[in-house]
Amino acid sequence: MHHLINSSDLSQHLSVSDADRNSALIWLAWLHLDRHQPEAALDILDAVLATMPEHCTTPQEGVVLNMRGVALGCMGDLRKAAESYQAAAEICEEYEDMPNWAVAQANRGLLCVKAGANGLAQRYLTDAVKLFSELDEIGHEENFITVLLQLGQNYVRQQQLDTGKGCYEWALLLSISAGLLECQLIATRHLCQLYELECPDQAQCIKYNQHQIRLLGTMRAQRQEAEALESLSQRFLSLGAERAYRAALDYTKSSLGIFIDLGCKEKEASGWLQAGRIYHLLGQTELVDLYVQAAQDVALSTGDTKFILKILEAAGDIFFNSCQDRHKAIPFYRDRALPISGRSSSVGTRLRLCNKLTELMLRLKLYEEAVEFAQTALDISVSLGEHLSERVAYHRLAVLYHCLDQYELAEHYYLKTLSLCPTPLLFEEETLYYVQVYQTLGDITFYDLKDPYDAAGYYHLALAAAMDLGNKRSQLQLCTRLATIYHNFLVDRELSLFFYQKARRFAAELNVRRVNISADQYYSRKGY
């Protein structure tokens, strides 16, 4: 374009009007805008304006002013851009240049969106929609669709969801009619997001996601198609029904096939693992190990230690988060992932694996083996200075030693856990934890260590926390135990009567028939 406009041959041998030369310059300015060179475009457009008659407007001037507004907007001068758009709109209206008038109004609306003036933006965008909808000639559909989508977003932000949805659907129908696949895809994605986040509707969301996948297949955008298939698989998986699981499996296998063709090893490994997870949910256990092994083999072929650890842990999670075959998680955590995390200095992963192994072995009643991993989790937490993880590790050690009938150690670790709790207590959950742990300590001391005096102390602390919480059922339990201890073991009739009366009051409020503070039940249960 530079060569054409500056060619001496052009001026010597061809008769070129000012309008034709200006048209060429406008195209040149547009090319500069397209290359993100707004300053160069503005210089050309200003030069064009300077050649136009001062007191006589032309339709071409409206086009130049509109493009000038685009250049100024790209440069961040929103005020001058708005002035240029307004001047363009007035000229286009005067000459009834409907296409450029629609574009000018649309640009004013988009500029207002950029400036955060949503009310004005909606007004100008609505005007643009009216103008575009009155155009008979083709070629303006893409601009029209852009305006509809932006207007739809404005309505959605204001929670006018039906109107926003209407704009999106109109944009989609228009893009289908015009055969604009890219616009179809954008409009479909807006509708997917609308039905996923703003007005959740699983059926509609699935329908538009399926349409998105068909579009991506037509456009041969394989990577995006595979990722959309992955996403749709997750959506069916969240429905929690066998039929949905089978649909999720089909979509997972389709995405897996594409990732294998594309040579995306990490995505391939994740696909094998996801299929294994779904087979586990479907109860087809004979296929689970096959798919999980394939995921592990592909992950190892990447040579990426971080990714290998992620896949091995996720493979263990399939069984860890299940109610069947939980023991199968142990080899993945203990024998495969944990050694790699140690060699690669992945301390965070090592801590997480130790916590999972502790929890898993606790559920499987492998208490002695669990102690080793709980202790390792404690050591790592202390070294990292992660106080919450440290508290969790102390609590698990306390539970494990309690299960192993090592009561002094259980008491020691419960007290260590409580010493790390924040003071003052901020949340009800923290207070409830105090109630439960102090009650457990009271039970250990009373039943197992045969020390009613210390047990009474722990029960008092539990009762104080229960009173703060306002938990009447816990207060009934604790008052009953204190009344029993003071009546039968510490022989303090006054305190026994006090706690007995409190227990009776709570029992009446909770409609519990009677309060038993005799020692017989404790003798028979705990061997006093």
Protein backbone atom coordinates (compact mmCIF):
# COMPACT_ATOMS: atom_id res chain seq x y z
CA MET A 1 0.00 0.00 0.00
CA HIS A 2 2.88 2.38 0.76
CA HIS A 3 4.38 1.59 -2.67
CA LEU A 4 1.05 2.12 -4.43
CA ILE A 5 0.30 5.43 -2.72
CA ASN A 6 3.81 6.88 -3.15
CA SER A 7 4.41 5.58 -6.69
CA SER A 8 5.38 8.36 -9.13
CA ASP A 9 3.99 6.25 -11.97
CA LEU A 10 0.58 6.41 -10.35
CA SER A 11 0.44 10.19 -10.34
CA GLN A 12 2.00 10.48 -13.82
CA HIS A 13 0.04 7.87 -15.80
CA LEU A 14 -3.23 7.44 -13.91
CA SER A 15 -5.93 9.92 -13.13
CA VAL A 16 -6.60 9.31 -9.41
CA SER A 17 -9.24 11.33 -7.57
CA ASP A 18 -8.73 12.63 -4.03
CA ALA A 19 -11.49 10.27 -2.83
CA ASP A 20 -9.70 7.25 -4.33
CA ARG A 21 -6.37 8.33 -2.84
CA ASN A 22 -8.04 8.84 0.54
CA SER A 23 -9.63 5.38 0.27
CA ALA A 24 -6.16 3.91 -0.25
CA LEU A 25 -4.83 5.86 2.73
CA ILE A 26 -7.75 4.63 4.88
CA TRP A 27 -6.88 1.04 3.96
CA LEU A 28 -3.24 1.74 4.85
CA ALA A 29 -4.32 3.17 8.23
CA TRP A 30 -6.42 0.04 8.83
CA LEU A 31 -3.40 -2.18 8.09
CA HIS A 32 -1.38 -0.23 10.68
CA LEU A 33 -4.19 -0.71 13.23
CA ASP A 34 -4.25 -4.40 12.45
CA ARG A 35 -0.49 -4.54 13.16
CA HIS A 36 -1.02 -2.74 16.53
CA GLN A 37 0.56 0.50 15.27
CA PRO A 38 -2.12 3.05 16.27
CA GLU A 39 0.28 6.03 16.20
CA ALA A 40 1.13 5.46 12.52
CA ALA A 41 -2.56 4.94 11.73
CA LEU A 42 -3.50 8.18 13.51
CA ASP A 43 -0.94 10.19 11.54
CA ILE A 44 -2.38 8.88 8.25
CA LEU A 45 -5.99 9.51 9.31
CA ASP A 46 -5.20 13.04 10.46
CA ALA A 47 -3.52 13.66 7.11
CA VAL A 48 -6.65 12.45 5.32
CA LEU A 49 -8.88 14.72 7.45
CA ALA A 50 -6.63 17.69 6.63
CA THR A 51 -7.36 17.26 2.89
CA MET A 52 -11.13 17.29 3.36
CA PRO A 53 -13.21 20.47 2.95
CA GLU A 54 -13.49 22.36 6.23
CA HIS A 55 -17.18 23.28 6.14
CA CYS A 56 -18.55 20.40 4.05
CA THR A 57 -18.75 16.92 5.49
CA THR A 58 -18.69 13.73 3.42
CA PRO A 59 -19.60 10.10 4.17
CA GLN A 60 -15.91 9.26 3.94
CA GLU A 61 -15.20 11.67 6.80
CA GLY A 62 -17.47 9.59 9.04
CA VAL A 63 -15.40 6.48 8.25
CA VAL A 64 -12.13 8.33 8.98
CA LEU A 65 -13.41 9.71 12.31
CA ASN A 66 -14.59 6.26 13.33
CA MET A 67 -11.18 4.72 12.63
CA ARG A 68 -9.51 7.67 14.33
CA GLY A 69 -11.50 6.82 17.46
CA VAL A 70 -10.21 3.23 17.25
CA ALA A 71 -6.60 4.47 17.04
CA LEU A 72 -7.05 6.88 19.98
CA GLY A 73 -8.71 4.15 22.04
CA CYS A 74 -5.77 1.82 21.39
CA MET A 75 -3.44 4.59 22.58
CA GLY A 76 -5.44 4.99 25.81
CA ASP A 77 -6.88 8.47 25.09
CA LEU A 78 -10.50 7.56 25.84
CA ARG A 79 -11.86 11.11 25.94
CA LYS A 80 -10.61 12.04 22.47
CA ALA A 81 -11.69 8.62 21.17
CA ALA A 82 -15.23 9.23 22.48
CA GLU A 83 -15.31 12.66 20.78
CA SER A 84 -14.16 11.13 17.49
CA TYR A 85 -16.82 8.37 17.67
CA GLN A 86 -19.54 10.92 18.43
CA ALA A 87 -18.53 13.04 15.44
CA ALA A 88 -18.47 9.91 13.24
CA ALA A 89 -21.93 8.83 14.44
CA GLU A 90 -23.40 12.28 13.71
CA ILE A 91 -21.99 12.35 10.15
CA CYS A 92 -23.13 8.75 9.44
CA GLU A 93 -26.62 9.59 10.74
CA GLU A 94 -26.73 12.72 8.58
CA TYR A 95 -25.88 10.75 5.42
CA GLU A 96 -27.93 7.69 6.52
CA ASP A 97 -24.80 5.57 6.25
CA MET A 98 -26.37 2.77 8.31
CA PRO A 99 -23.44 0.28 8.34
CA ASN A 100 -20.89 2.83 9.52
CA TRP A 101 -23.39 4.42 11.91
CA ALA A 102 -23.92 0.99 13.50
CA VAL A 103 -20.15 0.47 13.77
CA ALA A 104 -19.66 3.94 15.32
CA GLN A 105 -22.35 3.27 17.95
CA ALA A 106 -20.85 -0.15 18.64
CA ASN A 107 -17.41 1.39 19.10
CA ARG A 108 -18.85 3.99 21.49
CA GLY A 109 -20.40 1.18 23.49
CA LEU A 110 -17.18 -0.85 23.61
CA LEU A 111 -15.26 2.25 24.69
CA CYS A 112 -17.73 2.82 27.54
CA VAL A 113 -17.26 -0.82 28.61
CA LYS A 114 -13.50 -0.18 28.71
CA ALA A 115 -14.08 2.98 30.78
CA GLY A 116 -16.45 1.16 33.18
CA ALA A 117 -19.50 3.25 32.20
CA ASN A 118 -21.90 0.31 31.94
CA GLY A 119 -25.10 2.35 31.64
CA LEU A 120 -23.84 4.32 28.65
CA ALA A 121 -22.29 1.17 27.18
CA GLN A 122 -25.65 -0.59 27.25
CA ARG A 123 -27.38 2.36 25.59
CA TYR A 124 -24.89 2.59 22.71
CA LEU A 125 -24.67 -1.16 22.20
CA THR A 126 -28.48 -1.41 22.10
CA ASP A 127 -28.54 1.36 19.47
CA ALA A 128 -25.92 -0.56 17.47
CA VAL A 129 -28.01 -3.77 17.67
CA LYS A 130 -31.06 -1.91 16.31
CA LEU A 131 -29.05 -0.46 13.44
CA PHE A 132 -27.37 -3.77 12.54
CA SER A 133 -30.69 -5.60 12.63
CA GLU A 134 -32.11 -3.19 9.99
CA LEU A 135 -29.29 -3.82 7.49
CA ASP A 136 -30.33 -5.81 4.42
CA GLU A 137 -26.92 -6.34 2.85
CA ILE A 138 -24.59 -9.11 3.99
CA GLY A 139 -21.04 -8.71 5.31
CA HIS A 140 -21.82 -7.09 8.66
CA GLU A 141 -22.66 -10.25 10.57
CA GLU A 142 -19.31 -10.54 12.39
CA ASN A 143 -19.56 -7.00 13.80
CA PHE A 144 -23.20 -7.59 14.71
CA ILE A 145 -22.28 -10.79 16.57
CA THR A 146 -19.48 -9.00 18.47
CA VAL A 147 -21.97 -6.35 19.64
CA LEU A 148 -24.58 -8.94 20.66
CA LEU A 149 -22.05 -10.88 22.73
CA GLN A 150 -20.79 -7.76 24.48
CA LEU A 151 -24.32 -6.58 25.19
CA GLY A 152 -25.15 -10.06 26.51
CA GLN A 153 -22.18 -9.88 28.88
CA ASN A 154 -23.42 -6.51 30.15
CA TYR A 155 -26.87 -7.91 30.88
CA VAL A 156 -25.40 -10.99 32.60
CA ARG A 157 -23.21 -8.79 34.84
CA GLN A 158 -26.37 -6.96 35.90
CA GLN A 159 -28.07 -10.32 36.60
CA GLN A 160 -30.57 -9.77 33.75
CA LEU A 161 -29.88 -13.35 32.77
CA ASP A 162 -32.81 -13.97 30.41
CA THR A 163 -31.95 -10.90 28.33
CA GLY A 164 -28.26 -11.83 28.32
CA LYS A 165 -29.14 -15.36 27.24
CA GLY A 166 -31.28 -13.94 24.43
CA CYS A 167 -28.32 -11.90 23.14
CA TYR A 168 -26.05 -14.96 23.20
CA GLU A 169 -28.62 -17.15 21.41
CA TRP A 170 -29.23 -14.46 18.78
CA ALA A 171 -25.47 -14.25 18.20
CA LEU A 172 -25.29 -18.04 17.85
CA LEU A 173 -28.19 -18.21 15.37
CA LEU A 174 -26.71 -15.36 13.33
CA SER A 175 -23.29 -17.04 13.21
CA ILE A 176 -24.89 -20.34 12.12
CA SER A 177 -26.86 -18.53 9.40
CA ALA A 178 -23.72 -16.73 8.16
CA GLY A 179 -21.56 -19.87 8.38
CA LEU A 180 -19.08 -18.17 10.73
CA LEU A 181 -17.58 -21.11 12.68
CA GLU A 182 -15.30 -19.01 14.88
CA CYS A 183 -18.21 -16.78 15.92
CA GLN A 184 -20.35 -19.88 16.55
CA LEU A 185 -17.65 -21.20 18.84
CA ILE A 186 -17.39 -17.95 20.82
CA ALA A 187 -21.17 -17.66 21.23
CA THR A 188 -21.41 -21.31 22.28
CA ARG A 189 -18.71 -20.83 24.90
CA HIS A 190 -20.60 -17.85 26.32
CA LEU A 191 -23.71 -20.02 26.62
CA CYS A 192 -21.70 -22.84 28.25
CA GLN A 193 -20.37 -20.39 30.84
CA LEU A 194 -23.83 -18.91 31.42
CA TYR A 195 -25.39 -22.30 32.15
CA GLU A 196 -22.43 -23.42 34.22
CA LEU A 197 -21.91 -20.39 36.47
CA GLU A 198 -24.64 -17.77 36.24
CA CYS A 199 -27.84 -19.83 35.98
CA PRO A 200 -26.71 -23.44 36.49
CA ASP A 201 -28.53 -25.91 34.26
CA GLN A 202 -26.73 -29.20 33.70
CA ALA A 203 -28.81 -30.28 30.69
CA GLN A 204 -28.35 -27.00 28.81
CA CYS A 205 -24.67 -26.83 29.73
CA ILE A 206 -24.11 -30.35 28.39
CA LYS A 207 -26.06 -29.55 25.20
CA TYR A 208 -23.92 -26.50 24.39
CA ASN A 209 -20.70 -28.29 25.34
CA GLN A 210 -21.62 -31.04 22.88
CA HIS A 211 -22.22 -28.42 20.20
CA GLN A 212 -18.83 -26.88 21.00
CA ILE A 213 -17.17 -30.29 20.48
CA ARG A 214 -18.88 -30.71 17.09
CA LEU A 215 -17.66 -27.25 16.04
CA LEU A 216 -14.09 -27.96 17.11
CA GLY A 217 -14.20 -31.24 15.17
CA THR A 218 -15.37 -29.42 12.05
CA MET A 219 -12.63 -26.80 12.51
CA ARG A 220 -10.04 -29.58 13.02
CA ALA A 221 -8.89 -27.95 16.26
CA GLN A 222 -7.83 -31.29 17.73
CA ARG A 223 -6.17 -30.06 20.91
CA GLN A 224 -9.14 -27.86 21.84
CA GLU A 225 -11.55 -30.67 20.92
CA ALA A 226 -9.74 -33.12 23.21
CA GLU A 227 -9.76 -30.60 26.08
CA ALA A 228 -13.49 -29.94 25.56
CA LEU A 229 -14.11 -33.71 25.61
CA GLU A 230 -12.17 -33.91 28.90
CA SER A 231 -14.28 -31.12 30.38
CA LEU A 232 -17.55 -32.74 29.28
CA SER A 233 -16.42 -36.05 30.75
CA GLN A 234 -15.91 -34.34 34.12
CA ARG A 235 -19.37 -32.81 33.89
CA PHE A 236 -21.03 -36.20 33.30
CA LEU A 237 -18.90 -37.66 36.09
CA SER A 238 -20.24 -35.08 38.56
CA LEU A 239 -23.82 -36.31 37.92
CA GLY A 240 -23.07 -39.45 39.94
CA ALA A 241 -25.24 -41.95 38.02
CA GLU A 242 -24.13 -45.10 36.21
CA ARG A 243 -25.48 -43.92 32.86
CA ALA A 244 -23.59 -40.63 33.29
CA TYR A 245 -20.41 -42.55 34.20
CA ARG A 246 -20.65 -44.50 30.94
CA ALA A 247 -21.07 -41.28 28.95
CA ALA A 248 -18.08 -39.82 30.80
CA LEU A 249 -16.06 -42.90 29.88
CA ASP A 250 -16.92 -42.51 26.18
CA TYR A 251 -15.83 -38.86 26.18
CA THR A 252 -12.65 -39.70 28.10
CA LYS A 253 -11.71 -42.39 25.59
CA SER A 254 -12.38 -40.01 22.69
CA SER A 255 -10.11 -37.36 24.20
CA LEU A 256 -7.50 -40.01 25.01
CA GLY A 257 -7.43 -41.14 21.37
CA ILE A 258 -6.80 -37.56 20.19
CA PHE A 259 -4.03 -36.99 22.74
CA ILE A 260 -2.34 -40.24 21.67
CA ASP A 261 -2.47 -39.07 18.01
CA LEU A 262 -1.05 -35.67 18.98
CA GLY A 263 1.74 -37.26 21.06
CA CYS A 264 0.75 -35.32 24.22
CA LYS A 265 2.23 -37.74 26.77
CA GLU A 266 1.09 -35.93 29.92
CA LYS A 267 -2.47 -35.60 28.66
CA GLU A 268 -2.38 -39.22 27.52
CA ALA A 269 -1.29 -40.43 30.96
CA SER A 270 -4.04 -38.35 32.60
CA GLY A 271 -6.57 -39.83 30.13
CA TRP A 272 -5.60 -43.42 30.92
CA LEU A 273 -5.87 -42.64 34.63
CA GLN A 274 -9.26 -40.94 34.26
CA ALA A 275 -10.61 -43.97 32.37
CA GLY A 276 -9.30 -46.21 35.16
CA ARG A 277 -11.02 -44.02 37.74
CA ILE A 278 -14.35 -44.30 35.88
CA TYR A 279 -14.03 -48.08 35.53
CA HIS A 280 -13.49 -48.18 39.30
CA LEU A 281 -16.72 -46.21 39.82
CA LEU A 282 -18.51 -48.65 37.49
CA GLY A 283 -17.20 -51.59 39.52
CA GLN A 284 -15.29 -53.10 36.59
CA THR A 285 -12.24 -53.80 38.75
CA GLU A 286 -10.57 -56.10 36.23
CA LEU A 287 -10.00 -53.10 33.90
CA VAL A 288 -8.94 -50.60 36.57
CA ASP A 289 -5.47 -52.04 37.12
CA LEU A 290 -4.89 -52.24 33.34
CA TYR A 291 -5.68 -48.57 32.74
CA VAL A 292 -3.84 -47.37 35.84
CA GLN A 293 -0.75 -49.35 34.77
CA ALA A 294 -0.93 -47.74 31.31
CA ALA A 295 -1.11 -44.29 32.93
CA GLN A 296 1.92 -45.11 35.08
CA ASP A 297 3.94 -46.39 32.09
CA VAL A 298 3.21 -43.31 29.97
CA ALA A 299 4.01 -40.99 32.90
CA LEU A 300 7.37 -42.72 33.44
CA SER A 301 8.18 -42.29 29.73
CA THR A 302 8.00 -38.48 30.13
CA GLY A 303 10.97 -38.46 32.53
CA ASP A 304 9.32 -35.57 34.40
CA THR A 305 9.65 -36.41 38.12
CA LYS A 306 7.04 -33.88 39.21
CA PHE A 307 4.49 -35.25 36.74
CA ILE A 308 5.30 -38.88 37.59
CA LEU A 309 4.67 -38.12 41.26
CA LYS A 310 1.37 -36.45 40.39
CA ILE A 311 0.17 -39.50 38.43
CA LEU A 312 1.30 -42.01 41.07
CA GLU A 313 -0.43 -40.07 43.84
CA ALA A 314 -3.59 -39.67 41.73
CA ALA A 315 -3.55 -43.41 41.04
CA GLY A 316 -3.46 -44.09 44.77
CA ASP A 317 -6.25 -41.55 45.29
CA ILE A 318 -8.59 -43.66 43.14
CA PHE A 319 -8.56 -46.33 45.86
CA PHE A 320 -8.00 -43.98 48.83
CA ASN A 321 -11.20 -42.03 48.08
CA SER A 322 -13.19 -45.21 47.50
CA CYS A 323 -15.04 -47.49 49.90
CA GLN A 324 -13.58 -50.61 48.28
CA ASP A 325 -10.05 -51.91 47.63
CA ARG A 326 -8.57 -49.14 49.78
CA HIS A 327 -5.52 -51.28 50.51
CA LYS A 328 -4.52 -50.93 46.84
CA ALA A 329 -3.61 -47.28 47.47
CA ILE A 330 -0.73 -48.30 49.78
CA PRO A 331 1.68 -49.55 47.06
CA PHE A 332 1.20 -46.36 45.02
CA TYR A 333 1.82 -44.09 48.01
CA ARG A 334 4.39 -46.05 50.00
CA ASP A 335 6.32 -48.14 47.46
CA ARG A 336 6.29 -45.90 44.35
CA ALA A 337 5.55 -42.25 45.05
CA LEU A 338 7.17 -41.85 48.47
CA PRO A 339 10.69 -43.00 47.42
CA ILE A 340 10.61 -40.70 44.38
CA SER A 341 9.49 -37.75 46.52
CA GLY A 342 12.41 -38.42 48.86
CA ARG A 343 14.96 -38.53 46.02
CA SER A 344 13.55 -35.43 44.33
CA SER A 345 13.31 -33.36 47.54
CA SER A 346 9.57 -32.82 46.99
CA VAL A 347 8.97 -32.10 50.67
CA GLY A 348 5.36 -30.94 50.26
CA THR A 349 4.45 -34.07 48.32
CA ARG A 350 6.24 -36.26 50.88
CA LEU A 351 4.24 -34.64 53.70
CA ARG A 352 0.96 -35.15 51.85
CA LEU A 353 1.78 -38.80 51.10
CA CYS A 354 2.69 -39.50 54.74
CA ASN A 355 -0.58 -37.92 55.88
CA LYS A 356 -2.55 -40.03 53.41
CA LEU A 357 -0.75 -43.21 54.44
CA THR A 358 -1.42 -42.47 58.10
CA GLU A 359 -5.10 -41.87 57.46
CA LEU A 360 -5.39 -44.94 55.23
CA MET A 361 -3.65 -47.29 57.66
CA LEU A 362 -5.73 -45.92 60.51
CA ARG A 363 -8.88 -46.85 58.58
CA LEU A 364 -7.45 -50.29 57.80
CA LYS A 365 -6.43 -50.75 61.47
CA LEU A 366 -2.73 -51.08 60.59
CA TYR A 367 -1.87 -49.01 63.64
CA GLU A 368 1.78 -49.93 64.18
CA GLU A 369 2.70 -49.26 60.52
CA ALA A 370 0.77 -45.99 60.60
CA VAL A 371 2.82 -44.65 63.53
CA GLU A 372 5.97 -44.48 61.35
CA PHE A 373 4.29 -42.30 58.72
CA ALA A 374 2.55 -40.12 61.30
CA GLN A 375 5.92 -39.48 62.96
CA THR A 376 7.51 -38.65 59.59
CA ALA A 377 4.63 -36.24 58.84
CA LEU A 378 5.23 -34.61 62.23
CA ASP A 379 8.98 -34.22 61.59
CA ILE A 380 8.40 -32.67 58.15
CA SER A 381 5.71 -30.32 59.51
CA VAL A 382 8.03 -29.10 62.27
CA SER A 383 10.89 -28.56 59.79
CA LEU A 384 8.60 -26.59 57.45
CA GLY A 385 7.05 -24.59 60.28
CA GLU A 386 3.53 -25.60 59.22
CA HIS A 387 1.64 -25.45 62.51
CA LEU A 388 -1.67 -26.79 61.21
CA SER A 389 0.03 -29.89 59.74
CA GLU A 390 1.93 -30.28 63.00
CA ARG A 391 -1.33 -30.24 64.99
CA VAL A 392 -2.86 -32.82 62.63
CA ALA A 393 0.19 -35.08 63.00
CA TYR A 394 0.10 -34.86 66.82
CA HIS A 395 -3.63 -35.63 66.79
CA ARG A 396 -3.14 -38.69 64.58
CA LEU A 397 -0.30 -39.96 66.76
CA ALA A 398 -2.58 -39.57 69.78
CA VAL A 399 -5.37 -41.56 68.08
CA LEU A 400 -2.92 -44.28 66.98
CA TYR A 401 -1.40 -44.73 70.43
CA HIS A 402 -4.90 -44.78 71.90
CA CYS A 403 -5.80 -47.61 69.47
CA LEU A 404 -2.56 -49.40 70.45
CA ASP A 405 -3.57 -49.14 74.17
CA GLN A 406 -0.50 -46.99 74.90
CA TYR A 407 -2.51 -44.57 77.00
CA GLU A 408 0.26 -42.41 78.47
CA LEU A 409 1.58 -41.65 74.97
CA ALA A 410 -1.95 -41.00 73.72
CA GLU A 411 -2.50 -38.52 76.58
CA HIS A 412 0.86 -36.86 75.85
CA TYR A 413 0.10 -36.32 72.15
CA TYR A 414 -3.45 -35.10 72.77
CA LEU A 415 -2.06 -32.48 75.14
CA LYS A 416 0.58 -31.50 72.56
CA THR A 417 -2.23 -31.05 70.02
CA LEU A 418 -4.20 -28.80 72.37
CA SER A 419 -1.10 -26.73 73.15
CA LEU A 420 -0.86 -25.80 69.47
CA CYS A 421 -4.49 -24.69 69.17
CA PRO A 422 -4.97 -20.91 68.77
CA THR A 423 -6.08 -18.82 71.72
CA PRO A 424 -8.55 -17.30 72.06
CA LEU A 425 -10.77 -19.69 70.13
CA LEU A 426 -12.27 -17.95 67.09
CA PHE A 427 -14.59 -20.53 65.55
CA GLU A 428 -17.23 -22.95 66.86
CA GLU A 429 -15.35 -25.84 65.22
CA GLU A 430 -12.29 -25.09 67.41
CA THR A 431 -14.41 -25.06 70.57
CA LEU A 432 -16.09 -28.32 69.55
CA TYR A 433 -12.63 -29.84 69.05
CA TYR A 434 -11.71 -28.80 72.62
CA VAL A 435 -14.87 -30.50 73.91
CA GLN A 436 -14.13 -33.74 72.06
CA VAL A 437 -10.42 -33.93 72.94
CA TYR A 438 -10.82 -33.07 76.62
CA GLN A 439 -13.67 -35.58 76.87
CA THR A 440 -11.45 -38.21 75.21
CA LEU A 441 -8.65 -37.37 77.67
CA GLY A 442 -11.10 -37.72 80.53
CA ASP A 443 -12.20 -41.13 79.23
CA ILE A 444 -8.59 -42.33 78.84
CA THR A 445 -7.66 -41.15 82.32
CA PHE A 446 -10.81 -42.50 83.95
CA TYR A 447 -11.30 -45.83 82.19
CA ASP A 448 -7.78 -46.80 81.16
CA LEU A 449 -5.39 -45.07 83.59
CA LYS A 450 -7.84 -45.49 86.50
CA ASP A 451 -7.32 -41.93 87.74
CA PRO A 452 -10.74 -40.39 88.53
CA TYR A 453 -9.19 -37.22 89.98
CA ASP A 454 -7.35 -36.26 86.73
CA ALA A 455 -10.36 -37.45 84.72
CA ALA A 456 -12.56 -34.98 86.60
CA GLY A 457 -10.13 -32.19 85.65
CA TYR A 458 -10.36 -33.05 81.96
CA TYR A 459 -14.15 -33.35 82.12
CA HIS A 460 -14.34 -29.90 83.75
CA LEU A 461 -12.33 -28.41 80.88
CA ALA A 462 -14.54 -30.18 78.33
CA LEU A 463 -17.65 -28.89 80.13
CA ALA A 464 -16.36 -25.30 80.05
CA ALA A 465 -15.84 -25.55 76.28
CA ALA A 466 -19.28 -27.16 75.82
CA MET A 467 -20.86 -24.29 77.79
CA ASP A 468 -19.13 -21.74 75.53
CA LEU A 469 -20.49 -23.66 72.56
CA GLY A 470 -23.97 -23.95 74.06
CA ASN A 471 -24.05 -27.67 73.25
CA LYS A 472 -26.65 -29.10 75.65
CA ARG A 473 -26.16 -32.74 74.69
CA SER A 474 -22.42 -32.56 75.43
CA GLN A 475 -23.16 -30.75 78.69
CA LEU A 476 -25.61 -33.51 79.68
CA GLN A 477 -22.98 -36.18 79.00
CA LEU A 478 -20.23 -34.37 80.88
CA CYS A 479 -22.39 -33.39 83.88
CA THR A 480 -23.50 -37.04 84.14
CA ARG A 481 -19.88 -38.25 84.17
CA LEU A 482 -18.81 -35.64 86.71
CA ALA A 483 -21.78 -36.49 88.93
CA THR A 484 -20.81 -40.19 88.69
CA ILE A 485 -17.15 -39.53 89.56
CA TYR A 486 -17.95 -37.24 92.50
CA HIS A 487 -20.62 -39.63 93.79
CA ASN A 488 -18.80 -42.93 93.44
CA PHE A 489 -15.05 -42.21 93.39
CA LEU A 490 -14.12 -38.80 94.82
CA VAL A 491 -17.01 -38.93 97.34
CA ASP A 492 -17.96 -35.26 97.21
CA ARG A 493 -21.71 -35.28 97.81
CA GLU A 494 -22.17 -31.54 97.26
CA LEU A 495 -20.48 -31.52 93.82
CA SER A 496 -22.15 -34.79 92.91
CA LEU A 497 -25.58 -33.31 93.67
CA PHE A 498 -24.73 -30.10 91.78
CA PHE A 499 -23.76 -31.91 88.58
CA TYR A 500 -26.61 -34.42 88.96
CA GLN A 501 -29.17 -31.59 89.12
CA LYS A 502 -27.61 -29.90 86.09
CA ALA A 503 -27.71 -33.20 84.20
CA ARG A 504 -31.39 -33.67 85.15
CA ARG A 505 -32.18 -30.18 83.84
CA PHE A 506 -30.46 -30.86 80.48
CA ALA A 507 -32.14 -34.28 80.30
CA ALA A 508 -35.56 -32.66 80.74
CA GLU A 509 -34.81 -30.08 78.01
CA LEU A 510 -33.59 -32.80 75.64
CA ASN A 511 -36.40 -35.20 76.59
CA VAL A 512 -33.99 -37.86 77.93
CA ARG A 513 -35.85 -40.16 80.33
CA ARG A 514 -33.40 -40.62 83.17
CA VAL A 515 -29.86 -39.88 84.30
CA ASN A 516 -27.90 -42.84 85.70
CA ILE A 517 -24.92 -42.02 87.91
CA SER A 518 -24.43 -45.44 89.45
CA ALA A 519 -20.98 -46.96 89.24
CA ASP A 520 -22.25 -50.36 88.11
CA GLN A 521 -22.15 -49.55 84.40
CA TYR A 522 -18.56 -48.34 84.71
CA TYR A 523 -17.46 -51.36 86.75
CA SER A 524 -18.90 -53.77 84.20
CA ARG A 525 -17.55 -51.90 81.17
CA LYS A 526 -14.09 -50.97 82.34
CA GLY A 527 -13.19 -53.45 85.05
CA TYR A 528 -13.15 -51.20 88.11
